Amino acid sequence: MLHARVIGVLSSSAYLPDGLLIASDTQRKIGLFHFTTAEIGAIFDAFLTDEVRLSTDGYADADVHGPTRVVARRE
């Protein structure tokens, strides 16, 4: 969803239920995702009700010349 190149609304189709058509930027020429209104609502609800239970930040591979990589973990 974050890298969607095209988002279209599908309404009154004889072949597919109403919903959203989403094409990612990397697969836009070969693939298209269809989500019904109930499916897209469930995805947004899961995202909006999610909670971070564990959070850590720090440096990986730190040496005398300073840190080389920052790491963040959220669960």
C-alpha atoms as a PDB file:
ATOM      1  CA  MET A   1       0.000   0.000   0.000  1.00  0.00           C
ATOM      2  CA  LEU A   2       2.848   2.372   0.743  1.00  0.00           C
ATOM      3  CA  HIS A   3       4.304   1.903  -2.715  1.00  0.00           C
ATOM      4  CA  ALA A   4       1.046   1.881  -4.662  1.00  0.00           C
ATOM      5  CA  ARG A   5       1.497   3.377  -8.093  1.00  0.00           C
ATOM      6  CA  VAL A   6      -2.170   3.226  -9.030  1.00  0.00           C
ATOM      7  CA  ILE A   7      -5.238   3.056  -6.788  1.00  0.00           C
ATOM      8  CA  GLY A   8      -8.578   2.795  -8.549  1.00  0.00           C
ATOM      9  CA  VAL A   9     -12.151   2.456  -7.360  1.00  0.00           C
ATOM     10  CA  LEU A  10     -14.135  -0.407  -8.865  1.00  0.00           C
ATOM     11  CA  SER A  11     -17.891   0.074  -8.886  1.00  0.00           C
ATOM     12  CA  SER A  12     -20.796  -1.748 -10.562  1.00  0.00           C
ATOM     13  CA  SER A  13     -18.649  -4.291 -12.404  1.00  0.00           C
ATOM     14  CA  ALA A  14     -20.352  -7.331 -13.889  1.00  0.00           C
ATOM     15  CA  TYR A  15     -17.276  -9.445 -13.058  1.00  0.00           C
ATOM     16  CA  LEU A  16     -15.871  -8.283  -9.712  1.00  0.00           C
ATOM     17  CA  PRO A  17     -17.404  -6.978  -6.482  1.00  0.00           C
ATOM     18  CA  ASP A  18     -17.046  -3.289  -5.657  1.00  0.00           C
ATOM     19  CA  GLY A  19     -13.732  -2.361  -4.079  1.00  0.00           C
ATOM     20  CA  LEU A  20     -10.255  -1.039  -4.771  1.00  0.00           C
ATOM     21  CA  LEU A  21      -7.781  -1.970  -7.486  1.00  0.00           C
ATOM     22  CA  ILE A  22      -4.193  -1.401  -6.422  1.00  0.00           C
ATOM     23  CA  ALA A  23      -1.032  -1.734  -8.504  1.00  0.00           C
ATOM     24  CA  SER A  24       2.361  -1.511  -6.826  1.00  0.00           C
ATOM     25  CA  ASP A  25       5.158   0.515  -8.350  1.00  0.00           C
ATOM     26  CA  THR A  26       7.325  -2.560  -8.917  1.00  0.00           C
ATOM     27  CA  GLN A  27       4.624  -4.878 -10.295  1.00  0.00           C
ATOM     28  CA  ARG A  28       2.360  -2.377 -12.047  1.00  0.00           C
ATOM     29  CA  LYS A  29       2.908  -3.921 -15.482  1.00  0.00           C
ATOM     30  CA  ILE A  30       2.256  -7.523 -14.433  1.00  0.00           C
ATOM     31  CA  GLY A  31      -0.036  -7.542 -11.403  1.00  0.00           C
ATOM     32  CA  LEU A  32      -3.077  -5.881  -9.898  1.00  0.00           C
ATOM     33  CA  PHE A  33      -4.595  -6.429  -6.461  1.00  0.00           C
ATOM     34  CA  HIS A  34      -8.356  -6.359  -5.866  1.00  0.00           C
ATOM     35  CA  PHE A  35      -9.735  -5.668  -2.391  1.00  0.00           C
ATOM     36  CA  THR A  36     -13.426  -5.619  -1.537  1.00  0.00           C
ATOM     37  CA  THR A  37     -14.617  -2.844   0.765  1.00  0.00           C
ATOM     38  CA  ALA A  38     -14.779  -5.330   3.665  1.00  0.00           C
ATOM     39  CA  GLU A  39     -11.218  -6.563   3.009  1.00  0.00           C
ATOM     40  CA  ILE A  40      -9.706  -3.076   2.766  1.00  0.00           C
ATOM     41  CA  GLY A  41     -11.634  -2.048   5.889  1.00  0.00           C
ATOM     42  CA  ALA A  42     -10.204  -5.020   7.789  1.00  0.00           C
ATOM     43  CA  ILE A  43      -6.663  -4.089   6.698  1.00  0.00           C
ATOM     44  CA  PHE A  44      -7.095  -0.480   7.848  1.00  0.00           C
ATOM     45  CA  ASP A  45      -8.686  -1.596  11.136  1.00  0.00           C
ATOM     46  CA  ALA A  46      -5.775  -3.973  11.818  1.00  0.00           C
ATOM     47  CA  PHE A  47      -3.314  -1.153  11.125  1.00  0.00           C
ATOM     48  CA  LEU A  48      -5.152   1.411  13.257  1.00  0.00           C
ATOM     49  CA  THR A  49      -5.669  -0.887  16.258  1.00  0.00           C
ATOM     50  CA  ASP A  50      -2.137  -2.286  16.295  1.00  0.00           C
ATOM     51  CA  GLU A  51       0.036  -1.448  19.302  1.00  0.00           C
ATOM     52  CA  VAL A  52       3.787  -1.468  19.815  1.00  0.00           C
ATOM     53  CA  ARG A  53       4.560  -3.826  22.690  1.00  0.00           C
ATOM     54  CA  LEU A  54       8.361  -3.784  22.539  1.00  0.00           C
ATOM     55  CA  SER A  55      10.644  -1.066  21.238  1.00  0.00           C
ATOM     56  CA  THR A  56      14.442  -1.069  21.033  1.00  0.00           C
ATOM     57  CA  ASP A  57      16.888   1.219  19.261  1.00  0.00           C
ATOM     58  CA  GLY A  58      20.638   1.079  19.071  1.00  0.00           C
ATOM     59  CA  TYR A  59      23.760   0.534  17.038  1.00  0.00           C
ATOM     60  CA  ALA A  60      24.940  -2.689  15.481  1.00  0.00           C
ATOM     61  CA  ASP A  61      28.597  -3.364  14.773  1.00  0.00           C
ATOM     62  CA  ALA A  62      29.878  -0.459  16.860  1.00  0.00           C
ATOM     63  CA  ASP A  63      33.653  -0.173  16.902  1.00  0.00           C
ATOM     64  CA  VAL A  64      36.311   2.427  17.749  1.00  0.00           C
ATOM     65  CA  HIS A  65      35.481   4.389  14.603  1.00  0.00           C
ATOM     66  CA  GLY A  66      31.823   4.728  15.575  1.00  0.00           C
ATOM     67  CA  PRO A  67      28.635   2.894  14.729  1.00  0.00           C
ATOM     68  CA  THR A  68      28.239   1.477  11.245  1.00  0.00           C
ATOM     69  CA  ARG A  69      24.570   0.605  11.291  1.00  0.00           C
ATOM     70  CA  VAL A  70      21.516   1.796  13.243  1.00  0.00           C
ATOM     71  CA  VAL A  71      18.905  -0.810  14.176  1.00  0.00           C
ATOM     72  CA  ALA A  72      15.347  -0.331  15.396  1.00  0.00           C
ATOM     73  CA  ARG A  73      12.970  -3.086  16.422  1.00  0.00           C
ATOM     74  CA  ARG A  74       9.227  -2.754  17.049  1.00  0.00           C
ATOM     75  CA  GLU A  75       7.000  -5.654  18.069  1.00  0.00           C
END
